N, C-alpha and C. Protein backbone atom coordinates (compact mmCIF):
# COMPACT_ATOMS: atom_id res chain seq x y z
N GLN A 1 19.63 -0.82 2.98
CA GLN A 1 18.53 -1.67 2.53
C GLN A 1 17.45 -1.69 3.61
N VAL A 2 16.20 -1.74 3.20
CA VAL A 2 15.09 -1.73 4.13
C VAL A 2 14.29 -3.02 3.98
N GLN A 3 13.79 -3.54 5.10
CA GLN A 3 12.91 -4.71 5.08
C GLN A 3 11.51 -4.23 5.44
N LEU A 4 10.52 -4.75 4.71
CA LEU A 4 9.14 -4.32 4.87
C LEU A 4 8.25 -5.50 5.25
N VAL A 5 7.37 -5.28 6.22
CA VAL A 5 6.43 -6.32 6.64
C VAL A 5 5.04 -5.73 6.75
N GLU A 6 4.11 -6.28 5.97
CA GLU A 6 2.73 -5.81 6.00
C GLU A 6 1.91 -6.59 7.02
N SER A 7 0.86 -5.96 7.51
CA SER A 7 -0.09 -6.60 8.41
C SER A 7 -1.43 -5.90 8.28
N GLY A 8 -2.46 -6.53 8.84
CA GLY A 8 -3.77 -5.89 8.87
C GLY A 8 -4.78 -6.41 7.88
N GLY A 9 -4.37 -7.32 7.03
CA GLY A 9 -5.31 -7.88 6.08
C GLY A 9 -6.33 -8.77 6.77
N GLY A 10 -7.35 -9.17 6.01
CA GLY A 10 -8.36 -10.04 6.57
C GLY A 10 -9.59 -10.11 5.69
N LEU A 11 -10.65 -10.66 6.26
CA LEU A 11 -11.93 -10.81 5.57
C LEU A 11 -12.89 -9.76 6.08
N VAL A 12 -13.52 -9.03 5.18
CA VAL A 12 -14.45 -7.98 5.55
C VAL A 12 -15.62 -7.98 4.57
N GLN A 13 -16.78 -7.57 5.04
CA GLN A 13 -17.93 -7.47 4.16
C GLN A 13 -17.85 -6.21 3.31
N ALA A 14 -18.50 -6.25 2.17
CA ALA A 14 -18.56 -5.07 1.31
C ALA A 14 -19.11 -3.89 2.10
N GLY A 15 -18.47 -2.74 1.89
CA GLY A 15 -18.85 -1.54 2.63
C GLY A 15 -18.05 -1.33 3.89
N GLY A 16 -17.31 -2.33 4.30
CA GLY A 16 -16.52 -2.26 5.52
C GLY A 16 -15.18 -1.57 5.31
N SER A 17 -14.37 -1.58 6.37
CA SER A 17 -13.09 -0.90 6.36
C SER A 17 -11.99 -1.81 6.91
N LEU A 18 -10.78 -1.55 6.46
CA LEU A 18 -9.58 -2.20 6.97
C LEU A 18 -8.46 -1.18 6.96
N ARG A 19 -7.50 -1.39 7.87
CA ARG A 19 -6.29 -0.58 7.86
C ARG A 19 -5.09 -1.51 7.74
N LEU A 20 -4.35 -1.35 6.65
CA LEU A 20 -3.13 -2.11 6.45
C LEU A 20 -1.95 -1.29 6.97
N SER A 21 -1.00 -1.99 7.58
CA SER A 21 0.21 -1.34 8.05
C SER A 21 1.43 -1.99 7.43
N CYS A 22 2.46 -1.19 7.24
CA CYS A 22 3.73 -1.67 6.70
C CYS A 22 4.82 -1.17 7.64
N ALA A 23 5.47 -2.10 8.31
CA ALA A 23 6.54 -1.76 9.24
C ALA A 23 7.88 -1.96 8.58
N ALA A 24 8.77 -1.01 8.79
CA ALA A 24 10.09 -1.07 8.18
C ALA A 24 11.16 -1.32 9.21
N SER A 25 12.19 -2.02 8.78
CA SER A 25 13.38 -2.20 9.61
C SER A 25 14.61 -2.10 8.72
N GLY A 26 15.72 -1.76 9.32
CA GLY A 26 16.95 -1.65 8.56
C GLY A 26 17.27 -0.22 8.17
N ARG A 27 16.29 0.54 7.75
CA ARG A 27 16.46 1.94 7.39
C ARG A 27 15.17 2.66 7.74
N THR A 28 15.27 3.96 7.92
CA THR A 28 14.09 4.74 8.20
C THR A 28 13.29 4.96 6.92
N LEU A 29 11.96 4.89 7.04
CA LEU A 29 11.10 5.06 5.86
C LEU A 29 11.15 6.47 5.31
N SER A 30 11.56 7.41 6.11
CA SER A 30 11.63 8.79 5.63
C SER A 30 12.65 8.93 4.50
N SER A 31 13.51 7.93 4.34
CA SER A 31 14.50 7.94 3.25
C SER A 31 13.90 7.50 1.92
N TYR A 32 12.67 7.00 1.95
CA TYR A 32 12.08 6.41 0.76
C TYR A 32 10.75 7.04 0.41
N ARG A 33 10.43 6.89 -0.85
CA ARG A 33 9.06 7.14 -1.28
C ARG A 33 8.34 5.79 -1.19
N MET A 34 7.09 5.81 -0.73
CA MET A 34 6.39 4.57 -0.40
C MET A 34 5.14 4.37 -1.24
N GLY A 35 4.87 3.12 -1.55
CA GLY A 35 3.69 2.81 -2.33
C GLY A 35 3.00 1.56 -1.85
N TRP A 36 1.74 1.42 -2.24
CA TRP A 36 0.98 0.20 -2.04
C TRP A 36 0.52 -0.30 -3.41
N PHE A 37 0.67 -1.59 -3.61
CA PHE A 37 0.22 -2.27 -4.81
C PHE A 37 -0.70 -3.40 -4.38
N ARG A 38 -1.42 -3.96 -5.35
CA ARG A 38 -2.23 -5.13 -5.05
C ARG A 38 -2.24 -6.06 -6.26
N GLN A 39 -2.46 -7.33 -5.97
CA GLN A 39 -2.50 -8.32 -7.03
C GLN A 39 -3.63 -9.30 -6.75
N ALA A 40 -4.62 -9.30 -7.65
CA ALA A 40 -5.73 -10.23 -7.56
C ALA A 40 -5.36 -11.50 -8.31
N PRO A 41 -6.01 -12.62 -8.00
CA PRO A 41 -5.70 -13.89 -8.66
C PRO A 41 -5.82 -13.77 -10.19
N GLY A 42 -4.81 -14.21 -10.88
CA GLY A 42 -4.82 -14.19 -12.33
C GLY A 42 -4.59 -12.84 -12.97
N LYS A 43 -4.28 -11.84 -12.16
CA LYS A 43 -4.08 -10.48 -12.69
C LYS A 43 -2.67 -9.98 -12.38
N GLU A 44 -2.29 -8.93 -13.09
CA GLU A 44 -1.01 -8.29 -12.84
C GLU A 44 -1.07 -7.48 -11.55
N ARG A 45 0.11 -7.31 -10.94
CA ARG A 45 0.19 -6.45 -9.77
C ARG A 45 -0.03 -5.01 -10.22
N GLU A 46 -0.94 -4.30 -9.52
CA GLU A 46 -1.29 -2.96 -9.94
C GLU A 46 -1.05 -1.94 -8.84
N PHE A 47 -0.77 -0.73 -9.25
CA PHE A 47 -0.55 0.39 -8.34
C PHE A 47 -1.86 0.75 -7.64
N VAL A 48 -1.75 1.07 -6.34
CA VAL A 48 -2.92 1.51 -5.58
C VAL A 48 -2.73 2.94 -5.07
N ALA A 49 -1.63 3.17 -4.37
CA ALA A 49 -1.42 4.49 -3.76
C ALA A 49 0.06 4.70 -3.50
N ALA A 50 0.47 5.97 -3.42
CA ALA A 50 1.86 6.30 -3.13
C ALA A 50 1.95 7.56 -2.30
N SER A 51 2.99 7.61 -1.47
CA SER A 51 3.30 8.77 -0.65
C SER A 51 4.69 9.24 -1.06
N TRP A 52 4.73 10.47 -1.58
CA TRP A 52 6.00 10.95 -2.14
C TRP A 52 6.55 12.10 -1.31
N SER A 53 7.64 12.66 -1.76
CA SER A 53 8.32 13.73 -1.06
C SER A 53 7.38 14.91 -0.83
N GLY A 54 7.52 15.55 0.32
CA GLY A 54 6.71 16.72 0.61
C GLY A 54 5.29 16.40 1.00
N GLY A 55 5.00 15.12 1.22
CA GLY A 55 3.66 14.73 1.64
C GLY A 55 2.68 14.53 0.50
N THR A 56 3.14 14.60 -0.72
CA THR A 56 2.26 14.40 -1.87
C THR A 56 1.79 12.95 -1.92
N THR A 57 0.51 12.77 -2.21
CA THR A 57 -0.03 11.42 -2.32
C THR A 57 -0.68 11.23 -3.69
N TYR A 58 -0.71 9.98 -4.13
CA TYR A 58 -1.27 9.63 -5.43
C TYR A 58 -2.11 8.37 -5.25
N TYR A 59 -3.18 8.28 -6.01
CA TYR A 59 -4.08 7.13 -5.94
C TYR A 59 -4.51 6.72 -7.34
N THR A 60 -4.71 5.42 -7.49
CA THR A 60 -5.33 4.97 -8.72
C THR A 60 -6.80 5.38 -8.68
N ASP A 61 -7.39 5.60 -9.83
CA ASP A 61 -8.75 6.16 -9.89
C ASP A 61 -9.77 5.33 -9.12
N SER A 62 -9.63 4.02 -9.15
CA SER A 62 -10.65 3.16 -8.56
C SER A 62 -10.71 3.24 -7.03
N VAL A 63 -9.69 3.82 -6.39
CA VAL A 63 -9.70 3.89 -4.93
C VAL A 63 -9.78 5.33 -4.42
N LYS A 64 -9.74 6.29 -5.31
CA LYS A 64 -9.81 7.69 -4.88
C LYS A 64 -11.08 7.95 -4.08
N GLY A 65 -10.92 8.63 -2.95
CA GLY A 65 -12.05 8.92 -2.09
C GLY A 65 -12.38 7.82 -1.12
N ARG A 66 -11.78 6.64 -1.30
CA ARG A 66 -12.04 5.51 -0.39
C ARG A 66 -10.80 5.10 0.39
N PHE A 67 -9.63 5.20 -0.21
CA PHE A 67 -8.38 4.78 0.42
C PHE A 67 -7.53 6.01 0.76
N THR A 68 -6.78 5.90 1.85
CA THR A 68 -5.87 6.97 2.24
C THR A 68 -4.53 6.36 2.67
N ILE A 69 -3.45 6.85 2.08
CA ILE A 69 -2.11 6.42 2.48
C ILE A 69 -1.55 7.44 3.46
N SER A 70 -0.90 6.94 4.51
CA SER A 70 -0.32 7.86 5.49
C SER A 70 0.96 7.27 6.06
N ARG A 71 1.81 8.15 6.59
CA ARG A 71 3.06 7.72 7.19
C ARG A 71 3.09 8.11 8.66
N ASP A 72 3.80 7.31 9.45
CA ASP A 72 4.11 7.67 10.83
C ASP A 72 5.62 7.51 10.96
N ASN A 73 6.34 8.58 10.76
CA ASN A 73 7.80 8.49 10.77
C ASN A 73 8.34 8.09 12.13
N ALA A 74 7.64 8.47 13.19
CA ALA A 74 8.09 8.11 14.53
C ALA A 74 8.05 6.59 14.73
N LYS A 75 7.05 5.95 14.14
CA LYS A 75 6.91 4.50 14.27
C LYS A 75 7.52 3.76 13.09
N ASN A 76 8.02 4.52 12.12
CA ASN A 76 8.62 3.93 10.91
C ASN A 76 7.65 3.01 10.19
N THR A 77 6.41 3.50 10.04
CA THR A 77 5.38 2.71 9.37
C THR A 77 4.67 3.55 8.32
N VAL A 78 4.07 2.88 7.38
CA VAL A 78 3.18 3.50 6.41
C VAL A 78 1.90 2.68 6.40
N SER A 79 0.77 3.34 6.33
CA SER A 79 -0.52 2.67 6.42
C SER A 79 -1.36 2.93 5.18
N LEU A 80 -2.30 2.04 4.97
CA LEU A 80 -3.31 2.23 3.93
C LEU A 80 -4.66 2.04 4.59
N HIS A 81 -5.40 3.13 4.72
CA HIS A 81 -6.73 3.08 5.31
C HIS A 81 -7.73 2.87 4.17
N MET A 82 -8.50 1.80 4.26
CA MET A 82 -9.41 1.43 3.18
C MET A 82 -10.84 1.45 3.69
N ASN A 83 -11.66 2.30 3.10
CA ASN A 83 -13.06 2.42 3.46
C ASN A 83 -13.94 2.03 2.28
N SER A 84 -15.21 1.79 2.57
CA SER A 84 -16.18 1.45 1.52
C SER A 84 -15.65 0.36 0.60
N LEU A 85 -15.15 -0.68 1.19
CA LEU A 85 -14.51 -1.74 0.41
C LEU A 85 -15.52 -2.47 -0.47
N LYS A 86 -15.02 -2.89 -1.62
CA LYS A 86 -15.83 -3.57 -2.62
C LYS A 86 -15.23 -4.95 -2.90
N PRO A 87 -16.02 -5.89 -3.38
CA PRO A 87 -15.46 -7.21 -3.70
C PRO A 87 -14.29 -7.13 -4.67
N GLU A 88 -14.30 -6.16 -5.56
CA GLU A 88 -13.21 -6.02 -6.52
C GLU A 88 -11.92 -5.51 -5.90
N ASP A 89 -11.95 -5.13 -4.63
CA ASP A 89 -10.74 -4.76 -3.92
C ASP A 89 -10.00 -5.99 -3.38
N THR A 90 -10.61 -7.16 -3.51
CA THR A 90 -9.98 -8.38 -3.03
C THR A 90 -8.67 -8.65 -3.77
N ALA A 91 -7.60 -8.81 -3.00
CA ALA A 91 -6.27 -9.00 -3.58
C ALA A 91 -5.26 -9.19 -2.45
N VAL A 92 -4.06 -9.56 -2.83
CA VAL A 92 -2.93 -9.48 -1.92
C VAL A 92 -2.35 -8.08 -2.05
N TYR A 93 -2.20 -7.39 -0.94
CA TYR A 93 -1.70 -6.02 -0.93
C TYR A 93 -0.23 -6.01 -0.50
N TYR A 94 0.56 -5.26 -1.27
CA TYR A 94 2.00 -5.20 -1.04
C TYR A 94 2.42 -3.77 -0.75
N CYS A 95 3.30 -3.64 0.22
CA CYS A 95 3.96 -2.37 0.51
C CYS A 95 5.29 -2.36 -0.25
N ALA A 96 5.68 -1.20 -0.76
CA ALA A 96 6.92 -1.11 -1.51
C ALA A 96 7.60 0.22 -1.26
N ALA A 97 8.92 0.21 -1.37
CA ALA A 97 9.72 1.42 -1.15
C ALA A 97 10.50 1.75 -2.41
N SER A 98 10.55 3.03 -2.72
CA SER A 98 11.25 3.48 -3.92
C SER A 98 12.31 4.51 -3.56
N THR A 99 13.41 4.45 -4.31
CA THR A 99 14.47 5.45 -4.15
C THR A 99 14.42 6.50 -5.25
N ARG A 100 13.41 6.40 -6.12
CA ARG A 100 13.29 7.36 -7.23
C ARG A 100 12.88 8.73 -6.72
N VAL A 101 13.28 9.74 -7.41
CA VAL A 101 12.89 11.10 -7.06
C VAL A 101 11.53 11.42 -7.69
N ALA A 102 11.40 11.09 -8.96
CA ALA A 102 10.14 11.34 -9.65
C ALA A 102 9.11 10.30 -9.22
N VAL A 103 7.86 10.68 -9.25
CA VAL A 103 6.79 9.78 -8.85
C VAL A 103 6.71 8.61 -9.82
N VAL A 104 6.58 7.43 -9.29
CA VAL A 104 6.43 6.25 -10.13
C VAL A 104 5.22 5.46 -9.66
N THR A 105 4.47 4.94 -10.60
CA THR A 105 3.30 4.12 -10.28
C THR A 105 3.41 2.75 -10.92
N THR A 106 4.61 2.41 -11.36
CA THR A 106 4.83 1.10 -11.95
C THR A 106 5.65 0.24 -11.01
N ARG A 107 5.45 -1.04 -11.14
CA ARG A 107 6.15 -2.00 -10.28
C ARG A 107 7.66 -1.85 -10.39
N ALA A 108 8.15 -1.57 -11.58
CA ALA A 108 9.59 -1.48 -11.82
C ALA A 108 10.23 -0.31 -11.08
N GLY A 109 9.42 0.65 -10.66
CA GLY A 109 9.97 1.83 -10.01
C GLY A 109 10.24 1.67 -8.53
N TYR A 110 9.96 0.49 -8.02
CA TYR A 110 10.12 0.25 -6.58
C TYR A 110 11.22 -0.77 -6.35
N ASP A 111 12.01 -0.51 -5.31
CA ASP A 111 13.22 -1.29 -5.09
C ASP A 111 13.06 -2.37 -4.02
N TYR A 112 12.17 -2.16 -3.08
CA TYR A 112 12.01 -3.10 -1.97
C TYR A 112 10.52 -3.39 -1.78
N TRP A 113 10.24 -4.66 -1.46
CA TRP A 113 8.86 -5.12 -1.35
C TRP A 113 8.67 -5.93 -0.08
N GLY A 114 7.46 -5.84 0.47
CA GLY A 114 7.06 -6.72 1.54
C GLY A 114 6.53 -8.03 0.98
N GLN A 115 6.11 -8.91 1.85
CA GLN A 115 5.65 -10.24 1.44
C GLN A 115 4.18 -10.25 1.07
N GLY A 116 3.45 -9.20 1.42
CA GLY A 116 2.04 -9.10 1.07
C GLY A 116 1.11 -9.54 2.18
N THR A 117 -0.10 -8.99 2.16
CA THR A 117 -1.14 -9.37 3.11
C THR A 117 -2.46 -9.49 2.35
N GLN A 118 -3.21 -10.54 2.65
CA GLN A 118 -4.43 -10.84 1.90
C GLN A 118 -5.59 -10.00 2.41
N VAL A 119 -6.30 -9.39 1.48
CA VAL A 119 -7.55 -8.69 1.77
C VAL A 119 -8.65 -9.35 0.96
N THR A 120 -9.69 -9.80 1.64
CA THR A 120 -10.82 -10.43 0.98
C THR A 120 -12.10 -9.70 1.36
N VAL A 121 -12.82 -9.23 0.36
CA VAL A 121 -14.06 -8.49 0.58
C VAL A 121 -15.21 -9.34 0.07
N SER A 122 -16.11 -9.71 0.96
CA SER A 122 -17.25 -10.54 0.57
C SER A 122 -18.45 -9.67 0.21
N SER A 123 -19.24 -10.18 -0.71
CA SER A 123 -20.42 -9.41 -1.17
C SER A 123 -21.64 -9.73 -0.33
């Protein structure tokens, strides 16, 4: 079992950047496929990005070209680099780990979750 802890959230102006980090303990992240989700007030938790086997990455359309997911296996962390932030990116961001082989972009496909970190983008 792996424990996940996110950090790096905060308040940023539109057009700015943030880097979220997810630190793992208990197991090495290289054993898992990793994803980032977000949940805005009153909305469902939605898929943002995923890092799968072989270095393959996936992004929801609204963040393509602005967000980048990356892993640092030596530090046992996964990051989400967010550029050109928009007010609609405001949400609690969650790191999640999956044991599935096939790529999943749904909440049900992930087995372990962090507690979330707040990102607020002001206009």
